[in-house]
Protein backbone atom coordinates (compact mmCIF):
# COMPACT_ATOMS: atom_id res chain seq x y z
CA MET A 1 -66.53 -34.33 53.55
CA LEU A 2 -63.43 -33.15 55.00
CA ALA A 3 -61.41 -29.70 54.54
CA ASP A 4 -58.06 -29.48 54.47
CA VAL A 5 -57.75 -29.26 58.82
CA ASP A 6 -60.00 -32.26 58.76
CA ILE A 7 -57.53 -34.30 56.88
CA LYS A 8 -54.84 -33.17 59.05
CA ALA A 9 -56.92 -33.78 62.02
CA ALA A 10 -57.76 -37.58 60.73
CA ILE A 11 -54.01 -38.46 59.99
CA ASP A 12 -52.56 -36.98 63.31
CA ASP A 13 -55.88 -38.96 64.89
CA GLY A 14 -54.57 -41.43 63.01
CA LEU A 15 -57.40 -41.77 61.16
CA LEU A 16 -55.86 -41.97 57.86
CA GLU A 17 -52.40 -41.99 56.54
CA ILE A 18 -51.32 -40.53 53.09
CA ASP A 19 -47.37 -41.67 52.89
CA PRO A 20 -45.96 -39.78 51.64
CA LEU A 21 -47.56 -36.49 52.72
CA HIS A 22 -46.60 -34.26 50.37
CA ASP A 23 -48.02 -30.57 51.38
CA GLY A 24 -48.28 -28.96 48.48
CA SER A 25 -50.57 -31.52 47.03
CA LEU A 26 -53.55 -31.08 49.73
CA GLN A 27 -56.06 -29.10 48.53
CA ALA A 28 -58.71 -26.80 50.52
CA ALA A 29 -61.19 -30.06 50.42
CA SER A 30 -58.90 -32.67 48.80
CA TYR A 31 -55.90 -34.18 48.48
CA ASP A 32 -53.99 -34.54 45.04
CA MET A 33 -52.33 -38.54 44.42
CA ARG A 34 -49.21 -38.20 42.37
CA VAL A 35 -47.87 -40.80 40.03
CA GLY A 36 -45.88 -43.14 40.49
CA HIS A 37 -42.73 -45.09 39.87
CA GLU A 38 -44.65 -47.45 37.31
CA ALA A 39 -47.41 -47.62 34.76
CA TYR A 40 -48.27 -49.06 31.52
CA VAL A 41 -49.70 -47.97 28.09
CA SER A 42 -51.90 -50.07 26.36
CA SER A 43 -49.63 -49.26 23.05
CA GLY A 44 -46.55 -51.09 24.62
CA HIS A 45 -45.56 -54.54 25.99
CA GLU A 46 -44.34 -53.92 29.35
CA LYS A 47 -44.47 -51.74 31.96
CA VAL A 48 -42.97 -48.34 32.40
CA ASP A 49 -40.28 -47.92 34.69
CA VAL A 50 -41.62 -44.19 35.66
CA ALA A 51 -39.15 -43.64 38.70
CA ASN A 52 -36.10 -43.15 35.51
CA LYS A 53 -37.72 -42.76 32.59
CA GLY A 54 -39.95 -39.23 34.25
CA LEU A 55 -43.06 -39.34 32.59
CA VAL A 56 -46.03 -40.96 31.12
CA ILE A 57 -46.66 -40.25 27.15
CA ILE A 58 -50.91 -41.82 26.59
CA ASP A 59 -51.58 -40.93 22.77
CA PRO A 60 -54.98 -40.49 21.29
CA GLY A 61 -56.97 -43.57 22.11
CA GLU A 62 -54.08 -45.22 24.26
CA PHE A 63 -55.40 -47.04 27.70
CA ALA A 64 -53.20 -46.50 31.00
CA VAL A 65 -52.95 -48.05 34.28
CA ILE A 66 -51.15 -46.19 36.83
CA ILE A 67 -49.30 -46.14 40.80
CA THR A 68 -49.54 -43.83 42.59
CA ARG A 69 -47.11 -41.62 44.30
CA GLU A 70 -48.72 -42.52 48.27
CA ARG A 71 -50.08 -45.60 49.55
CA VAL A 72 -53.44 -44.73 51.46
CA LYS A 73 -54.43 -46.07 54.67
CA CYS A 74 -58.18 -45.63 55.76
CA SER A 75 -59.77 -46.59 59.23
CA PRO A 76 -62.95 -48.06 59.39
CA GLN A 77 -64.63 -45.08 59.61
CA ILE A 78 -63.08 -42.90 56.58
CA ALA A 79 -63.95 -43.66 52.87
CA GLY A 80 -62.18 -41.43 49.40
CA GLN A 81 -63.34 -40.65 46.81
CA LEU A 82 -61.72 -40.37 43.42
CA GLY A 83 -61.64 -38.07 39.94
CA LEU A 84 -58.84 -36.65 37.94
CA THR A 85 -57.25 -32.65 38.75
CA SER A 86 -59.46 -30.50 37.02
CA SER A 87 -56.06 -29.80 34.50
CA TYR A 88 -56.14 -33.13 32.83
CA ALA A 89 -59.81 -33.44 32.70
CA ARG A 90 -59.42 -30.48 29.97
CA GLN A 91 -57.44 -31.80 27.71
CA GLY A 92 -59.75 -35.06 27.44
CA LEU A 93 -58.03 -37.60 29.47
CA MET A 94 -61.13 -39.74 31.27
CA LEU A 95 -60.65 -42.36 34.04
CA LEU A 96 -62.16 -45.32 34.44
CA SER A 97 -61.85 -46.41 37.48
CA GLY A 98 -64.25 -47.29 40.40
CA PRO A 99 -64.70 -43.92 42.41
CA GLN A 100 -64.53 -44.98 46.31
CA ILE A 101 -61.88 -45.73 47.92
CA ASP A 102 -63.39 -47.72 50.10
CA PRO A 103 -63.08 -48.16 54.78
CA GLY A 104 -60.53 -50.21 55.77
CA PHE A 105 -58.38 -50.11 52.65
CA ASP A 106 -54.87 -49.63 52.47
CA GLY A 107 -51.90 -49.89 49.47
CA HIS A 108 -51.47 -47.37 46.70
CA LEU A 109 -54.19 -46.90 44.15
CA ILE A 110 -54.06 -48.13 41.17
CA VAL A 111 -56.55 -46.59 38.19
CA ARG A 112 -57.00 -46.55 34.73
CA VAL A 113 -57.65 -43.75 32.07
CA THR A 114 -58.09 -43.30 28.63
CA ASN A 115 -56.94 -40.66 26.67
CA LEU A 116 -60.49 -39.46 24.24
CA ALA A 117 -58.42 -36.63 23.11
CA PRO A 118 -56.52 -35.52 19.41
CA ARG A 119 -53.61 -35.67 20.67
CA ARG A 120 -51.05 -36.95 23.59
CA ILE A 121 -51.00 -35.86 26.96
CA VAL A 122 -48.22 -36.60 28.99
CA LEU A 123 -47.84 -36.98 32.88
CA GLY A 124 -44.82 -36.35 35.02
CA HIS A 125 -43.15 -38.83 36.97
CA GLU A 126 -44.51 -37.56 40.67
CA GLY A 127 -47.28 -35.15 39.11
CA ALA A 128 -50.88 -34.64 40.85
CA PHE A 129 -53.02 -36.16 38.14
CA LEU A 130 -55.85 -37.53 40.98
CA THR A 131 -57.73 -35.46 43.20
CA THR A 132 -58.94 -37.82 46.46
CA GLN A 133 -61.85 -35.93 49.08
CA PHE A 134 -62.35 -37.58 51.76
CA PHE A 135 -64.92 -38.04 54.05
CA LYS A 136 -65.23 -39.50 57.45
CA LEU A 137 -68.55 -41.81 58.39
CA SER A 138 -71.23 -41.52 61.23
CA SER A 139 -69.84 -44.80 62.48
CA GLN A 140 -67.85 -47.53 62.07
CA VAL A 141 -67.98 -49.63 58.70
CA ALA A 142 -69.26 -53.59 60.49
CA HIS A 143 -66.86 -54.66 57.42
CA PRO A 144 -64.09 -52.95 56.41
CA TYR A 145 -62.23 -53.53 53.18
CA THR A 146 -60.11 -56.83 52.68
CA GLY A 147 -60.54 -57.62 49.65
CA PRO A 148 -57.28 -58.59 46.98
CA ARG A 149 -56.14 -55.50 46.92
CA GLN A 150 -55.12 -55.22 50.43
CA GLY A 151 -51.67 -54.18 50.49
CA GLN A 152 -50.78 -53.84 47.30
CA ALA A 153 -47.76 -51.32 46.06
CA SER A 154 -47.44 -52.31 42.36
CA LEU A 155 -48.86 -53.23 38.75
CA SER A 156 -49.91 -56.59 39.03
CA ALA A 157 -50.23 -58.91 36.33
CA LYS A 158 -54.38 -59.06 36.91
CA ASP A 159 -54.15 -54.57 36.97
CA LEU A 160 -52.77 -55.62 32.57
CA GLU A 161 -55.43 -57.65 31.71
CA GLY A 162 -57.57 -57.15 28.87
CA THR A 163 -54.47 -54.49 28.10
CA THR A 164 -52.17 -57.05 26.60
CA ASP A 165 -54.43 -59.44 24.12
CA PRO A 166 -54.04 -57.27 20.67
CA GLU A 167 -56.92 -59.54 19.59
CA SER A 168 -59.43 -58.73 22.42
CA PRO A 169 -61.13 -54.85 22.06
CA THR A 170 -60.54 -51.85 24.67
CA LEU A 171 -61.78 -48.66 24.73
CA GLY A 172 -58.76 -47.43 23.50
CA GLY A 173 -59.01 -48.98 19.92
CA MET A 174 -62.43 -48.67 20.04
CA VAL A 175 -61.56 -44.66 20.78
CA LYS A 176 -58.74 -45.00 17.53
CA SER A 177 -61.07 -47.31 15.27
CA LEU A 178 -63.66 -44.04 15.68
CA GLN A 179 -60.36 -40.41 15.38
CA THR A 180 -60.06 -43.41 12.16
CA VAL A 181 -63.87 -42.98 11.03
CA ALA A 182 -64.07 -39.53 11.54
CA ALA A 183 -60.69 -38.47 9.74
CA ASP A 184 -62.64 -40.55 6.76
CA VAL A 185 -65.95 -39.34 6.65
CA GLY A 186 -64.31 -35.61 7.53
CA SER A 187 -62.26 -35.95 4.08
CA LEU A 188 -65.18 -37.43 2.16
CA LYS A 189 -67.05 -34.54 3.06
CA SER A 190 -64.68 -31.99 1.95
CA SER A 191 -63.99 -34.46 -1.30
CA VAL A 192 -68.19 -34.04 -2.16
CA ARG A 193 -67.64 -30.30 -1.24
CA ALA A 194 -65.19 -29.94 -4.56
CA ILE A 195 -66.88 -32.10 -6.53
CA GLY A 196 -69.70 -30.25 -5.88
CA TRP A 197 -67.47 -26.77 -6.27
CA VAL A 198 -66.14 -27.93 -9.63
CA ALA A 199 -70.05 -29.08 -11.46
CA GLY A 200 -70.91 -25.41 -10.25
CA THR A 201 -68.70 -24.22 -12.05
CA SER A 202 -68.20 -26.45 -14.69
CA LEU A 203 -72.16 -26.44 -15.38
CA PRO A 204 -71.62 -22.45 -16.31
CA VAL A 205 -69.15 -22.62 -18.98
CA MET A 206 -70.62 -25.61 -20.92
CA VAL A 207 -73.29 -24.33 -21.71
CA ALA A 208 -71.04 -20.43 -22.62
CA VAL A 209 -69.32 -23.12 -24.86
CA VAL A 210 -72.59 -25.24 -26.29
CA ALA A 211 -74.41 -21.97 -26.82
CA ILE A 212 -70.96 -19.99 -28.83
CA ILE A 213 -70.94 -23.38 -31.19
CA LEU A 214 -74.41 -23.86 -32.14
CA ALA A 215 -74.59 -19.63 -33.01
CA VAL A 216 -71.32 -20.42 -35.00
CA LYS A 217 -72.68 -23.49 -36.56
CA GLY A 218 -75.89 -21.27 -37.67
C-alpha cells in the first residue's frame, strides 16, 4: 500500500494521475476523493446540479449516486481500494459500489451510497467523502481495464438504473419500510405497556370497590 510520499512519487513517475490534485485530500496512506459536480438521489426525478446547489441531501433510507470531483488514472501497475471517510461511515452512510479501482482505469469515480441513519446526511460540493488507498503491484497486469466505464466524466442513464423506477424495490425503499415497521412496533410496545399499567392499577381499585359494596350490603 502506498504512503503519502509514495502516492506523490507515483504521480511524479506517471504511474498515477489524480486531477485535480488537492493537497488537503492527501492523507498518511490514502487520498480523499471529493464530491463532484452532479449526483442523483432516489427521491428525485432528475440529476442534482451539485456545483450550483452546493450540496447533496440524502434522507433516511434514500439511495444516491455520486460522481467524484477528481479524475483518476491508474497505470497497469497501480490499483485502488475504496471506502467511505470515517466521518460519513459513523453517521450511517453505507457504500454500495465495488471496492476496487482496476489497473488501467481512467475516469471519474461513480459510487452508490445509501443512508441507513435515522436522520438526513448532507454532503457538500467538493467535500471529502471517499477514501482511496492505492497499491503498487509486483508487476504490470496483462489485461488493463478497458471496460464501459473507461473515460466516464458524468452520470449516465446506466448509472441510474434501478433508482428511477418507482415499481422497482431498492435498498433505500426497503430501509424505509423497515424503519416504518420498527416505528410501528415501537408504538405497539408503548400501547401494550400502557394497557398493562392501566390494568395493573385499576384491578386493585375495582376489588376494593366491590369489597366496600359487599360490606355495606352485609
